[in-house]
Amino acid sequence: MELAQNIQAVRAKIAQAAADAGRTPGEITLCAATKVQTDETIRAAIAAGVQVCGENRVQELTAHLEAGAYEGAGVHFIGHLQTNKVKQVVGKVELIHSVDSERLLRAIHSQAEKLGIVQDILLEVNIAGEESKGGCSPQEAEELARLTAQLPHVRLRGLMAIPPVSLEIGSNRPYFQAMRQLFVDIKEKMSDNQASIDCLSMGMSGDYADAIAEGSTLVRVGTALFGPRPPMGTPRTDIHK
């Protein structure tokens, strides 16, 4: 059961990172990044103990939902979201991680209002200022956070970040530290909404231990659980055998 062993190993590393930081493992949510995984693999991951799945693409999210692949787990949307696809995501997932503009925020609120729900969201911050990545600036994040207070059909839960890709251990810690400080600052300024601001989504397969050390409450892990991703369109049926 390679997948089950991988899940156990990641959970053990999360627990160790939490202990090293004087935290408890229960403070950190493991979100399995299920990009390009099959329905069968997702079901196997949930059967092996995964409690939250994170999807990057709207098309894959829709297909997995229709197949009932996520049954028994929470579902988050962690990829770039276009405003014209908001209807396919709002109300279908517990948490949207990638809100990075006023236009997208208002589109999510409008759809949630039509559905009569409150959609939980995170603001995606481009903490390193990389031109190749989405996300808002820290200043824009503070402005968007203030705007959420005027939009009753969205609930700000916190922040998400994807720092630069690096093979050097520890190289992303300054970015994680900056995200933690921004998280604290926004939470303090949103005094009326502090109770709901509880999620700092940062850390992936290569750096989640460092992210936990700097205060992450949710890590998005794919490769460390499922192995290297196959090319798009390639069926993956071996991981849980």
C-alpha atoms as a PDB file:
ATOM      1  CA  MET A   1       0.000   0.000   0.000  1.00  0.00           C
ATOM      2  CA  GLU A   2       2.419   2.671  -1.233  1.00  0.00           C
ATOM      3  CA  LEU A   3      -0.130   5.474  -0.956  1.00  0.00           C
ATOM      4  CA  ALA A   4      -1.066   4.583   2.612  1.00  0.00           C
ATOM      5  CA  GLN A   5       2.628   4.487   3.542  1.00  0.00           C
ATOM      6  CA  ASN A   6       3.191   7.876   1.935  1.00  0.00           C
ATOM      7  CA  ILE A   7       0.283   9.380   3.853  1.00  0.00           C
ATOM      8  CA  GLN A   8       1.621   7.936   7.095  1.00  0.00           C
ATOM      9  CA  ALA A   9       5.108   9.305   6.353  1.00  0.00           C
ATOM     10  CA  VAL A  10       3.793  12.797   5.590  1.00  0.00           C
ATOM     11  CA  ARG A  11       1.687  12.826   8.739  1.00  0.00           C
ATOM     12  CA  ALA A  12       4.732  11.759  10.760  1.00  0.00           C
ATOM     13  CA  LYS A  13       6.793  14.581   9.242  1.00  0.00           C
ATOM     14  CA  ILE A  14       3.995  17.059  10.003  1.00  0.00           C
ATOM     15  CA  ALA A  15       3.903  15.843  13.597  1.00  0.00           C
ATOM     16  CA  GLN A  16       7.680  16.187  13.942  1.00  0.00           C
ATOM     17  CA  ALA A  17       7.696  19.667  12.403  1.00  0.00           C
ATOM     18  CA  ALA A  18       4.896  20.710  14.726  1.00  0.00           C
ATOM     19  CA  ALA A  19       6.719  19.334  17.766  1.00  0.00           C
ATOM     20  CA  ASP A  20       9.934  21.103  16.753  1.00  0.00           C
ATOM     21  CA  ALA A  21       7.976  24.362  16.585  1.00  0.00           C
ATOM     22  CA  GLY A  22       6.271  23.810  19.936  1.00  0.00           C
ATOM     23  CA  ARG A  23       2.951  23.124  18.242  1.00  0.00           C
ATOM     24  CA  THR A  24       0.567  20.164  18.140  1.00  0.00           C
ATOM     25  CA  PRO A  25      -0.131  18.163  14.953  1.00  0.00           C
ATOM     26  CA  GLY A  26      -3.824  18.919  15.326  1.00  0.00           C
ATOM     27  CA  GLU A  27      -3.114  22.564  14.493  1.00  0.00           C
ATOM     28  CA  ILE A  28      -2.124  21.640  10.932  1.00  0.00           C
ATOM     29  CA  THR A  29      -4.490  20.384   8.226  1.00  0.00           C
ATOM     30  CA  LEU A  30      -3.120  18.095   5.524  1.00  0.00           C
ATOM     31  CA  CYS A  31      -4.715  18.963   2.186  1.00  0.00           C
ATOM     32  CA  ALA A  32      -3.987  16.337  -0.472  1.00  0.00           C
ATOM     33  CA  ALA A  33      -3.351  18.114  -3.790  1.00  0.00           C
ATOM     34  CA  THR A  34      -5.154  15.777  -6.179  1.00  0.00           C
ATOM     35  CA  LYS A  35      -4.193  17.431  -9.471  1.00  0.00           C
ATOM     36  CA  VAL A  36      -4.332  14.882 -12.365  1.00  0.00           C
ATOM     37  CA  GLN A  37      -5.207  12.028 -10.006  1.00  0.00           C
ATOM     38  CA  THR A  38      -7.933   9.544 -10.953  1.00  0.00           C
ATOM     39  CA  ASP A  39     -11.210   9.005  -9.113  1.00  0.00           C
ATOM     40  CA  GLU A  40      -9.863   5.644  -7.973  1.00  0.00           C
ATOM     41  CA  THR A  41      -6.685   7.129  -6.531  1.00  0.00           C
ATOM     42  CA  ILE A  42      -8.599   9.866  -4.717  1.00  0.00           C
ATOM     43  CA  ARG A  43     -10.938   7.286  -3.173  1.00  0.00           C
ATOM     44  CA  ALA A  44      -7.916   5.238  -2.096  1.00  0.00           C
ATOM     45  CA  ALA A  45      -6.339   8.286  -0.466  1.00  0.00           C
ATOM     46  CA  ILE A  46      -9.516   9.036   1.465  1.00  0.00           C
ATOM     47  CA  ALA A  47      -9.789   5.398   2.531  1.00  0.00           C
ATOM     48  CA  ALA A  48      -6.195   5.670   3.794  1.00  0.00           C
ATOM     49  CA  GLY A  49      -7.016   8.649   5.974  1.00  0.00           C
ATOM     50  CA  VAL A  50      -6.934  11.809   3.840  1.00  0.00           C
ATOM     51  CA  GLN A  51      -9.598  14.173   5.158  1.00  0.00           C
ATOM     52  CA  VAL A  52      -9.220  17.158   2.818  1.00  0.00           C
ATOM     53  CA  CYS A  53      -8.634  17.131  -0.949  1.00  0.00           C
ATOM     54  CA  GLY A  54      -7.493  20.193  -2.888  1.00  0.00           C
ATOM     55  CA  GLU A  55      -8.209  20.525  -6.594  1.00  0.00           C
ATOM     56  CA  ASN A  56      -6.349  22.830  -8.992  1.00  0.00           C
ATOM     57  CA  ARG A  57      -8.519  22.705 -12.088  1.00  0.00           C
ATOM     58  CA  VAL A  58     -12.227  23.419 -12.413  1.00  0.00           C
ATOM     59  CA  GLN A  59     -12.718  20.711 -15.038  1.00  0.00           C
ATOM     60  CA  GLU A  60     -11.166  18.050 -12.815  1.00  0.00           C
ATOM     61  CA  LEU A  61     -13.108  19.285  -9.788  1.00  0.00           C
ATOM     62  CA  THR A  62     -16.393  18.976 -11.675  1.00  0.00           C
ATOM     63  CA  ALA A  63     -15.586  15.498 -12.971  1.00  0.00           C
ATOM     64  CA  HIS A  64     -14.523  14.191  -9.560  1.00  0.00           C
ATOM     65  CA  LEU A  65     -17.610  15.674  -7.900  1.00  0.00           C
ATOM     66  CA  GLU A  66     -19.893  14.058 -10.473  1.00  0.00           C
ATOM     67  CA  ALA A  67     -18.159  10.716  -9.877  1.00  0.00           C
ATOM     68  CA  GLY A  68     -18.460  11.036  -6.098  1.00  0.00           C
ATOM     69  CA  ALA A  69     -14.695  10.641  -5.770  1.00  0.00           C
ATOM     70  CA  TYR A  70     -14.412  12.996  -2.791  1.00  0.00           C
ATOM     71  CA  GLU A  71     -17.022  11.231  -0.668  1.00  0.00           C
ATOM     72  CA  GLY A  72     -15.869  11.169   2.948  1.00  0.00           C
ATOM     73  CA  ALA A  73     -13.532  14.164   2.639  1.00  0.00           C
ATOM     74  CA  GLY A  74     -13.714  17.930   2.504  1.00  0.00           C
ATOM     75  CA  VAL A  75     -12.942  19.600  -0.816  1.00  0.00           C
ATOM     76  CA  HIS A  76     -10.964  22.810  -1.364  1.00  0.00           C
ATOM     77  CA  PHE A  77     -10.187  24.652  -4.589  1.00  0.00           C
ATOM     78  CA  ILE A  78      -6.498  25.564  -4.583  1.00  0.00           C
ATOM     79  CA  GLY A  79      -5.787  26.561  -8.195  1.00  0.00           C
ATOM     80  CA  HIS A  80      -6.200  29.717 -10.244  1.00  0.00           C
ATOM     81  CA  LEU A  81      -9.881  30.581 -10.604  1.00  0.00           C
ATOM     82  CA  GLN A  82     -11.215  32.593 -13.526  1.00  0.00           C
ATOM     83  CA  THR A  83     -14.283  34.740 -12.931  1.00  0.00           C
ATOM     84  CA  ASN A  84     -16.170  32.968 -15.721  1.00  0.00           C
ATOM     85  CA  LYS A  85     -15.838  29.654 -13.856  1.00  0.00           C
ATOM     86  CA  VAL A  86     -16.957  30.862 -10.440  1.00  0.00           C
ATOM     87  CA  LYS A  87     -20.377  29.206 -10.826  1.00  0.00           C
ATOM     88  CA  GLN A  88     -18.684  25.810 -11.092  1.00  0.00           C
ATOM     89  CA  VAL A  89     -16.844  26.244  -7.800  1.00  0.00           C
ATOM     90  CA  VAL A  90     -18.863  28.391  -5.382  1.00  0.00           C
ATOM     91  CA  GLY A  91     -20.999  26.197  -3.166  1.00  0.00           C
ATOM     92  CA  LYS A  92     -19.209  23.076  -4.396  1.00  0.00           C
ATOM     93  CA  VAL A  93     -16.148  23.404  -2.146  1.00  0.00           C
ATOM     94  CA  GLU A  94     -15.615  24.259   1.495  1.00  0.00           C
ATOM     95  CA  LEU A  95     -12.801  26.725   0.865  1.00  0.00           C
ATOM     96  CA  ILE A  96     -11.446  28.670  -2.119  1.00  0.00           C
ATOM     97  CA  HIS A  97      -7.735  29.379  -1.589  1.00  0.00           C
ATOM     98  CA  SER A  98      -6.980  31.570  -4.595  1.00  0.00           C
ATOM     99  CA  VAL A  99      -8.874  34.865  -4.377  1.00  0.00           C
ATOM    100  CA  ASP A 100      -6.478  37.519  -5.655  1.00  0.00           C
ATOM    101  CA  SER A 101      -8.538  40.404  -7.059  1.00  0.00           C
ATOM    102  CA  GLU A 102     -11.561  42.535  -6.288  1.00  0.00           C
ATOM    103  CA  ARG A 103     -13.220  41.340  -9.490  1.00  0.00           C
ATOM    104  CA  LEU A 104     -12.928  37.694  -8.479  1.00  0.00           C
ATOM    105  CA  LEU A 105     -13.967  38.429  -4.907  1.00  0.00           C
ATOM    106  CA  ARG A 106     -17.119  40.210  -6.054  1.00  0.00           C
ATOM    107  CA  ALA A 107     -17.938  37.445  -8.545  1.00  0.00           C
ATOM    108  CA  ILE A 108     -17.697  34.839  -5.784  1.00  0.00           C
ATOM    109  CA  HIS A 109     -19.880  36.971  -3.516  1.00  0.00           C
ATOM    110  CA  SER A 110     -22.478  37.444  -6.251  1.00  0.00           C
ATOM    111  CA  GLN A 111     -22.741  33.713  -6.926  1.00  0.00           C
ATOM    112  CA  ALA A 112     -22.853  32.887  -3.212  1.00  0.00           C
ATOM    113  CA  GLU A 113     -25.626  35.453  -2.766  1.00  0.00           C
ATOM    114  CA  LYS A 114     -27.641  33.804  -5.562  1.00  0.00           C
ATOM    115  CA  LEU A 115     -27.211  30.443  -3.816  1.00  0.00           C
ATOM    116  CA  GLY A 116     -28.061  31.895  -0.414  1.00  0.00           C
ATOM    117  CA  ILE A 117     -24.799  30.711   1.126  1.00  0.00           C
ATOM    118  CA  VAL A 118     -21.628  32.106   2.667  1.00  0.00           C
ATOM    119  CA  GLN A 119     -18.515  30.966   0.797  1.00  0.00           C
ATOM    120  CA  ASP A 120     -15.293  30.619   2.790  1.00  0.00           C
ATOM    121  CA  ILE A 121     -12.236  32.063   1.042  1.00  0.00           C
ATOM    122  CA  LEU A 122      -8.520  32.713   1.396  1.00  0.00           C
ATOM    123  CA  LEU A 123      -6.646  35.581  -0.217  1.00  0.00           C
ATOM    124  CA  GLU A 124      -3.747  34.384  -2.367  1.00  0.00           C
ATOM    125  CA  VAL A 125      -0.659  36.530  -1.822  1.00  0.00           C
ATOM    126  CA  ASN A 126       2.248  36.681  -4.267  1.00  0.00           C
ATOM    127  CA  ILE A 127       4.644  37.163  -1.385  1.00  0.00           C
ATOM    128  CA  ALA A 128       7.798  37.088  -3.540  1.00  0.00           C
ATOM    129  CA  GLY A 129       6.418  39.400  -6.225  1.00  0.00           C
ATOM    130  CA  GLU A 130       6.978  36.842  -8.989  1.00  0.00           C
ATOM    131  CA  GLU A 131       5.633  38.038 -12.346  1.00  0.00           C
ATOM    132  CA  SER A 132       4.979  34.466 -13.461  1.00  0.00           C
ATOM    133  CA  LYS A 133       2.530  33.755 -10.637  1.00  0.00           C
ATOM    134  CA  GLY A 134      -0.911  34.910  -9.671  1.00  0.00           C
ATOM    135  CA  GLY A 135      -1.751  36.379  -6.323  1.00  0.00           C
ATOM    136  CA  CYS A 136      -2.098  39.886  -4.977  1.00  0.00           C
ATOM    137  CA  SER A 137       0.500  42.016  -3.237  1.00  0.00           C
ATOM    138  CA  PRO A 138       0.516  42.228   0.572  1.00  0.00           C
ATOM    139  CA  GLN A 139      -0.963  45.736   0.351  1.00  0.00           C
ATOM    140  CA  GLU A 140      -3.711  44.529  -1.985  1.00  0.00           C
ATOM    141  CA  ALA A 141      -4.421  41.663   0.417  1.00  0.00           C
ATOM    142  CA  GLU A 142      -5.069  44.155   3.204  1.00  0.00           C
ATOM    143  CA  GLU A 143      -7.418  46.110   0.921  1.00  0.00           C
ATOM    144  CA  LEU A 144      -9.289  42.967  -0.128  1.00  0.00           C
ATOM    145  CA  ALA A 145      -9.551  41.866   3.489  1.00  0.00           C
ATOM    146  CA  ARG A 146     -11.253  45.141   4.362  1.00  0.00           C
ATOM    147  CA  LEU A 147     -13.616  44.702   1.420  1.00  0.00           C
ATOM    148  CA  THR A 148     -14.740  41.269   2.631  1.00  0.00           C
ATOM    149  CA  ALA A 149     -16.250  42.962   5.681  1.00  0.00           C
ATOM    150  CA  GLN A 150     -18.733  44.611   3.298  1.00  0.00           C
ATOM    151  CA  LEU A 151     -19.645  41.375   1.504  1.00  0.00           C
ATOM    152  CA  PRO A 152     -21.898  39.211   3.689  1.00  0.00           C
ATOM    153  CA  HIS A 153     -21.833  36.176   1.399  1.00  0.00           C
ATOM    154  CA  VAL A 154     -18.094  35.590   1.672  1.00  0.00           C
ATOM    155  CA  ARG A 155     -16.180  34.780   4.838  1.00  0.00           C
ATOM    156  CA  LEU A 156     -12.472  35.523   4.992  1.00  0.00           C
ATOM    157  CA  ARG A 157     -10.690  32.585   6.594  1.00  0.00           C
ATOM    158  CA  GLY A 158      -7.093  33.667   6.009  1.00  0.00           C
ATOM    159  CA  LEU A 159      -4.273  33.716   3.462  1.00  0.00           C
ATOM    160  CA  MET A 160      -2.585  31.410   0.969  1.00  0.00           C
ATOM    161  CA  ALA A 161       0.849  31.670  -0.633  1.00  0.00           C
ATOM    162  CA  ILE A 162       3.038  29.819  -3.108  1.00  0.00           C
ATOM    163  CA  PRO A 163       6.660  30.974  -2.654  1.00  0.00           C
ATOM    164  CA  PRO A 164       9.342  30.506  -5.325  1.00  0.00           C
ATOM    165  CA  VAL A 165      10.329  27.001  -6.342  1.00  0.00           C
ATOM    166  CA  SER A 166      13.720  26.213  -4.804  1.00  0.00           C
ATOM    167  CA  LEU A 167      15.840  23.133  -4.215  1.00  0.00           C
ATOM    168  CA  GLU A 168      17.689  24.779  -1.351  1.00  0.00           C
ATOM    169  CA  ILE A 169      16.383  23.677   2.044  1.00  0.00           C
ATOM    170  CA  GLY A 170      15.136  26.578   4.112  1.00  0.00           C
ATOM    171  CA  SER A 171      15.283  29.120   1.297  1.00  0.00           C
ATOM    172  CA  ASN A 172      11.575  29.884   1.525  1.00  0.00           C
ATOM    173  CA  ARG A 173      11.476  30.530   5.250  1.00  0.00           C
ATOM    174  CA  PRO A 174      11.762  34.335   4.856  1.00  0.00           C
ATOM    175  CA  TYR A 175       8.667  34.254   2.641  1.00  0.00           C
ATOM    176  CA  PHE A 176       6.817  32.095   5.150  1.00  0.00           C
ATOM    177  CA  GLN A 177       7.824  34.493   7.918  1.00  0.00           C
ATOM    178  CA  ALA A 178       6.509  37.433   5.899  1.00  0.00           C
ATOM    179  CA  MET A 179       3.237  35.609   5.285  1.00  0.00           C
ATOM    180  CA  ARG A 180       2.852  34.847   8.974  1.00  0.00           C
ATOM    181  CA  GLN A 181       3.340  38.518   9.848  1.00  0.00           C
ATOM    182  CA  LEU A 182       0.851  39.610   7.183  1.00  0.00           C
ATOM    183  CA  PHE A 183      -1.639  37.062   8.532  1.00  0.00           C
ATOM    184  CA  VAL A 184      -1.249  38.446  12.063  1.00  0.00           C
ATOM    185  CA  ASP A 185      -1.526  42.040  10.848  1.00  0.00           C
ATOM    186  CA  ILE A 186      -4.704  41.413   8.860  1.00  0.00           C
ATOM    187  CA  LYS A 187      -6.272  39.454  11.688  1.00  0.00           C
ATOM    188  CA  GLU A 188      -5.591  42.297  14.111  1.00  0.00           C
ATOM    189  CA  LYS A 189      -7.009  44.907  11.735  1.00  0.00           C
ATOM    190  CA  MET A 190     -10.116  42.788  11.091  1.00  0.00           C
ATOM    191  CA  SER A 191     -11.025  42.824  14.771  1.00  0.00           C
ATOM    192  CA  ASP A 192     -14.715  42.104  14.170  1.00  0.00           C
ATOM    193  CA  ASN A 193     -13.856  39.052  12.071  1.00  0.00           C
ATOM    194  CA  GLN A 194     -10.968  37.565  14.055  1.00  0.00           C
ATOM    195  CA  ALA A 195     -12.881  34.421  14.948  1.00  0.00           C
ATOM    196  CA  SER A 196     -13.128  33.358  11.304  1.00  0.00           C
ATOM    197  CA  ILE A 197      -9.546  34.234  10.301  1.00  0.00           C
ATOM    198  CA  ASP A 198      -7.787  31.026  11.264  1.00  0.00           C
ATOM    199  CA  CYS A 199      -6.163  29.551   8.147  1.00  0.00           C
ATOM    200  CA  LEU A 200      -2.659  30.186   6.822  1.00  0.00           C
ATOM    201  CA  SER A 201      -2.266  27.951   3.775  1.00  0.00           C
ATOM    202  CA  MET A 202       1.403  27.593   2.887  1.00  0.00           C
ATOM    203  CA  GLY A 203       3.827  24.766   2.335  1.00  0.00           C
ATOM    204  CA  MET A 204       3.928  22.041  -0.319  1.00  0.00           C
ATOM    205  CA  SER A 205       5.767  18.752  -0.764  1.00  0.00           C
ATOM    206  CA  GLY A 206       9.249  20.284  -0.785  1.00  0.00           C
ATOM    207  CA  ASP A 207       8.911  22.799   2.026  1.00  0.00           C
ATOM    208  CA  TYR A 208       5.937  22.038   4.262  1.00  0.00           C
ATOM    209  CA  ALA A 209       8.098  21.374   7.331  1.00  0.00           C
ATOM    210  CA  ASP A 210       9.586  24.871   7.041  1.00  0.00           C
ATOM    211  CA  ALA A 211       6.111  26.315   6.524  1.00  0.00           C
ATOM    212  CA  ILE A 212       4.874  24.628   9.694  1.00  0.00           C
ATOM    213  CA  ALA A 213       7.854  26.027  11.593  1.00  0.00           C
ATOM    214  CA  GLU A 214       6.763  29.507  10.506  1.00  0.00           C
ATOM    215  CA  GLY A 215       3.100  29.123  11.412  1.00  0.00           C
ATOM    216  CA  SER A 216       1.290  27.369   8.569  1.00  0.00           C
ATOM    217  CA  THR A 217      -2.039  25.848   9.574  1.00  0.00           C
ATOM    218  CA  LEU A 218      -2.644  24.032   6.262  1.00  0.00           C
ATOM    219  CA  VAL A 219      -0.172  22.344   3.921  1.00  0.00           C
ATOM    220  CA  ARG A 220      -0.988  21.379   0.330  1.00  0.00           C
ATOM    221  CA  VAL A 221       0.866  18.162  -0.465  1.00  0.00           C
ATOM    222  CA  GLY A 222       0.731  16.269  -3.753  1.00  0.00           C
ATOM    223  CA  THR A 223       3.980  14.675  -4.916  1.00  0.00           C
ATOM    224  CA  ALA A 224       4.971  13.433  -1.447  1.00  0.00           C
ATOM    225  CA  LEU A 225       1.668  11.552  -1.288  1.00  0.00           C
ATOM    226  CA  PHE A 226       1.037  10.434  -4.856  1.00  0.00           C
ATOM    227  CA  GLY A 227       4.518  10.455  -6.365  1.00  0.00           C
ATOM    228  CA  PRO A 228       5.556  12.486  -9.444  1.00  0.00           C
ATOM    229  CA  ARG A 229       2.547  13.615 -11.438  1.00  0.00           C
ATOM    230  CA  PRO A 230       1.920  11.774 -14.714  1.00  0.00           C
ATOM    231  CA  PRO A 231       1.451  13.808 -17.903  1.00  0.00           C
ATOM    232  CA  MET A 232      -2.027  15.240 -18.306  1.00  0.00           C
ATOM    233  CA  GLY A 233      -4.349  12.655 -19.821  1.00  0.00           C
ATOM    234  CA  THR A 234      -2.297   9.690 -18.624  1.00  0.00           C
ATOM    235  CA  PRO A 235      -4.381   7.335 -16.467  1.00  0.00           C
ATOM    236  CA  ARG A 236      -2.854   6.719 -13.052  1.00  0.00           C
ATOM    237  CA  THR A 237      -4.013   3.461 -11.534  1.00  0.00           C
ATOM    238  CA  ASP A 238      -0.927   2.057  -9.847  1.00  0.00           C
ATOM    239  CA  ILE A 239      -0.425   4.245  -6.794  1.00  0.00           C
ATOM    240  CA  HIS A 240      -2.770   2.405  -4.442  1.00  0.00           C
ATOM    241  CA  LYS A 241      -1.909  -1.136  -5.455  1.00  0.00           C
END
